[in-house]
């Protein structure tokens, strides 16, 4: 699993690069891979609206939505084994004699 860094730390690293420090120097001084610093720099450009792409906030919202969908799909498939599908229940309601 990739290592995660505190958002404040990332922000400070990006500030150093934006201030003119070379990526290779910042990465070496902080023990980071250059690719990591370049990725953070690219994401900063997206977050500031300079470059197109999903902002950090949008990425978080999308990840949360995907997790929720996965939870719902898991709940639905677990429910099908016990009670039948929801579609069958809805179909029964609509097809009941009045």
C-alpha atoms as a PDB file:
ATOM      1  CA  UNK A   1       0.000   0.000   0.000  1.00  0.00           C
ATOM      2  CA  UNK A   2       1.403   3.434  -0.873  1.00  0.00           C
ATOM      3  CA  UNK A   3       2.529   5.614   1.969  1.00  0.00           C
ATOM      4  CA  UNK A   4       0.195   8.485   2.820  1.00  0.00           C
ATOM      5  CA  UNK A   5       1.338  11.950   3.812  1.00  0.00           C
ATOM      6  CA  UNK A   6      -0.374  14.614   5.840  1.00  0.00           C
ATOM      7  CA  UNK A   7      -2.118  17.213   3.616  1.00  0.00           C
ATOM      8  CA  UNK A   8      -0.252  20.020   5.417  1.00  0.00           C
ATOM      9  CA  UNK A   9       3.083  18.362   4.628  1.00  0.00           C
ATOM     10  CA  UNK A  10       2.103  18.058   0.959  1.00  0.00           C
ATOM     11  CA  UNK A  11       1.058  21.702   0.885  1.00  0.00           C
ATOM     12  CA  UNK A  12       4.419  22.802   2.311  1.00  0.00           C
ATOM     13  CA  UNK A  13       6.346  20.668  -0.187  1.00  0.00           C
ATOM     14  CA  UNK A  14       4.371  22.191  -3.076  1.00  0.00           C
ATOM     15  CA  UNK A  15       4.991  25.692  -1.675  1.00  0.00           C
ATOM     16  CA  UNK A  16       8.753  25.027  -1.736  1.00  0.00           C
ATOM     17  CA  UNK A  17       8.554  23.986  -5.391  1.00  0.00           C
ATOM     18  CA  UNK A  18       6.311  26.931  -6.289  1.00  0.00           C
ATOM     19  CA  UNK A  19       8.834  29.221  -4.618  1.00  0.00           C
ATOM     20  CA  UNK A  20      11.435  28.084  -7.133  1.00  0.00           C
ATOM     21  CA  UNK A  21      13.225  25.223  -5.388  1.00  0.00           C
ATOM     22  CA  UNK A  22      14.037  22.393  -7.825  1.00  0.00           C
ATOM     23  CA  UNK A  23      11.927  19.267  -7.410  1.00  0.00           C
ATOM     24  CA  UNK A  24      14.995  17.034  -7.217  1.00  0.00           C
ATOM     25  CA  UNK A  25      16.445  19.116  -4.369  1.00  0.00           C
ATOM     26  CA  UNK A  26      13.190  19.245  -2.388  1.00  0.00           C
ATOM     27  CA  UNK A  27      12.666  15.505  -2.887  1.00  0.00           C
ATOM     28  CA  UNK A  28      16.206  14.638  -1.826  1.00  0.00           C
ATOM     29  CA  UNK A  29      16.117  16.877   1.260  1.00  0.00           C
ATOM     30  CA  UNK A  30      12.813  15.403   2.444  1.00  0.00           C
ATOM     31  CA  UNK A  31      13.455  11.789   1.443  1.00  0.00           C
ATOM     32  CA  UNK A  32      10.682  11.728  -1.141  1.00  0.00           C
ATOM     33  CA  UNK A  33      10.625  10.251  -4.605  1.00  0.00           C
ATOM     34  CA  UNK A  34      10.819  12.940  -7.298  1.00  0.00           C
ATOM     35  CA  UNK A  35       7.756  11.396  -8.952  1.00  0.00           C
ATOM     36  CA  UNK A  36       5.784  11.983  -5.753  1.00  0.00           C
ATOM     37  CA  UNK A  37       6.690  15.665  -5.665  1.00  0.00           C
ATOM     38  CA  UNK A  38       5.877  16.066  -9.375  1.00  0.00           C
ATOM     39  CA  UNK A  39       2.490  14.384  -8.799  1.00  0.00           C
ATOM     40  CA  UNK A  40       1.721  16.746  -5.895  1.00  0.00           C
ATOM     41  CA  UNK A  41       2.783  19.714  -8.012  1.00  0.00           C
ATOM     42  CA  UNK A  42       0.504  18.590 -10.869  1.00  0.00           C
ATOM     43  CA  UNK A  43      -2.418  18.109  -8.459  1.00  0.00           C
ATOM     44  CA  UNK A  44      -1.821  21.598  -7.069  1.00  0.00           C
ATOM     45  CA  UNK A  45      -2.171  23.019 -10.580  1.00  0.00           C
ATOM     46  CA  UNK A  46      -5.491  21.193 -10.944  1.00  0.00           C
ATOM     47  CA  UNK A  47      -6.708  22.341  -7.525  1.00  0.00           C
ATOM     48  CA  UNK A  48      -5.894  25.953  -8.390  1.00  0.00           C
ATOM     49  CA  UNK A  49      -7.742  25.706 -11.717  1.00  0.00           C
ATOM     50  CA  UNK A  50      -4.617  26.177 -13.829  1.00  0.00           C
ATOM     51  CA  UNK A  51      -4.832  22.713 -15.349  1.00  0.00           C
ATOM     52  CA  UNK A  52      -7.950  20.610 -16.114  1.00  0.00           C
ATOM     53  CA  UNK A  53      -8.714  17.525 -14.069  1.00  0.00           C
ATOM     54  CA  UNK A  54     -10.403  16.305 -10.895  1.00  0.00           C
ATOM     55  CA  UNK A  55      -9.609  18.427  -7.874  1.00  0.00           C
ATOM     56  CA  UNK A  56      -8.586  16.832  -4.593  1.00  0.00           C
ATOM     57  CA  UNK A  57     -12.055  17.508  -3.210  1.00  0.00           C
ATOM     58  CA  UNK A  58     -13.740  15.978  -6.259  1.00  0.00           C
ATOM     59  CA  UNK A  59     -11.487  12.912  -6.023  1.00  0.00           C
ATOM     60  CA  UNK A  60     -12.507  12.463  -2.392  1.00  0.00           C
ATOM     61  CA  UNK A  61     -16.191  12.812  -3.220  1.00  0.00           C
ATOM     62  CA  UNK A  62     -15.871  10.327  -6.080  1.00  0.00           C
ATOM     63  CA  UNK A  63     -14.061   7.814  -3.862  1.00  0.00           C
ATOM     64  CA  UNK A  64     -16.759   8.178  -1.177  1.00  0.00           C
ATOM     65  CA  UNK A  65     -19.507   7.673  -3.772  1.00  0.00           C
ATOM     66  CA  UNK A  66     -17.795   4.563  -5.120  1.00  0.00           C
ATOM     67  CA  UNK A  67     -17.455   3.143  -1.596  1.00  0.00           C
ATOM     68  CA  UNK A  68     -21.150   3.814  -0.948  1.00  0.00           C
ATOM     69  CA  UNK A  69     -22.154   2.141  -4.214  1.00  0.00           C
ATOM     70  CA  UNK A  70     -20.036  -0.879  -3.280  1.00  0.00           C
ATOM     71  CA  UNK A  71     -21.713  -1.023   0.150  1.00  0.00           C
ATOM     72  CA  UNK A  72     -25.171  -0.850  -1.422  1.00  0.00           C
ATOM     73  CA  UNK A  73     -24.341  -3.508  -3.983  1.00  0.00           C
ATOM     74  CA  UNK A  74     -22.949  -5.749  -1.252  1.00  0.00           C
ATOM     75  CA  UNK A  75     -26.050  -5.211   0.904  1.00  0.00           C
ATOM     76  CA  UNK A  76     -28.313  -5.888  -2.070  1.00  0.00           C
ATOM     77  CA  UNK A  77     -26.574  -9.121  -3.028  1.00  0.00           C
ATOM     78  CA  UNK A  78     -26.628 -10.300   0.602  1.00  0.00           C
ATOM     79  CA  UNK A  79     -30.358  -9.538   0.787  1.00  0.00           C
ATOM     80  CA  UNK A  80     -31.102 -11.525  -2.339  1.00  0.00           C
ATOM     81  CA  UNK A  81     -29.980 -14.735  -0.703  1.00  0.00           C
ATOM     82  CA  UNK A  82     -32.285 -14.273   2.288  1.00  0.00           C
ATOM     83  CA  UNK A  83     -35.379 -12.571   0.917  1.00  0.00           C
ATOM     84  CA  UNK A  84     -35.205 -12.642  -2.849  1.00  0.00           C
ATOM     85  CA  UNK A  85     -34.460  -9.654  -5.018  1.00  0.00           C
ATOM     86  CA  UNK A  86     -36.059  -6.274  -4.510  1.00  0.00           C
ATOM     87  CA  UNK A  87     -37.129  -6.353  -8.126  1.00  0.00           C
ATOM     88  CA  UNK A  88     -39.215  -9.454  -7.470  1.00  0.00           C
ATOM     89  CA  UNK A  89     -40.862  -7.773  -4.491  1.00  0.00           C
ATOM     90  CA  UNK A  90     -41.692  -4.688  -6.516  1.00  0.00           C
ATOM     91  CA  UNK A  91     -42.995  -6.828  -9.355  1.00  0.00           C
ATOM     92  CA  UNK A  92     -45.261  -8.721  -6.934  1.00  0.00           C
ATOM     93  CA  UNK A  93     -46.719  -5.459  -5.624  1.00  0.00           C
ATOM     94  CA  UNK A  94     -47.515  -4.178  -9.117  1.00  0.00           C
ATOM     95  CA  UNK A  95     -49.008  -7.476 -10.248  1.00  0.00           C
ATOM     96  CA  UNK A  96     -51.249  -8.100  -7.231  1.00  0.00           C
ATOM     97  CA  UNK A  97     -54.971  -8.341  -8.027  1.00  0.00           C
ATOM     98  CA  UNK A  98     -56.939  -5.359  -6.810  1.00  0.00           C
END
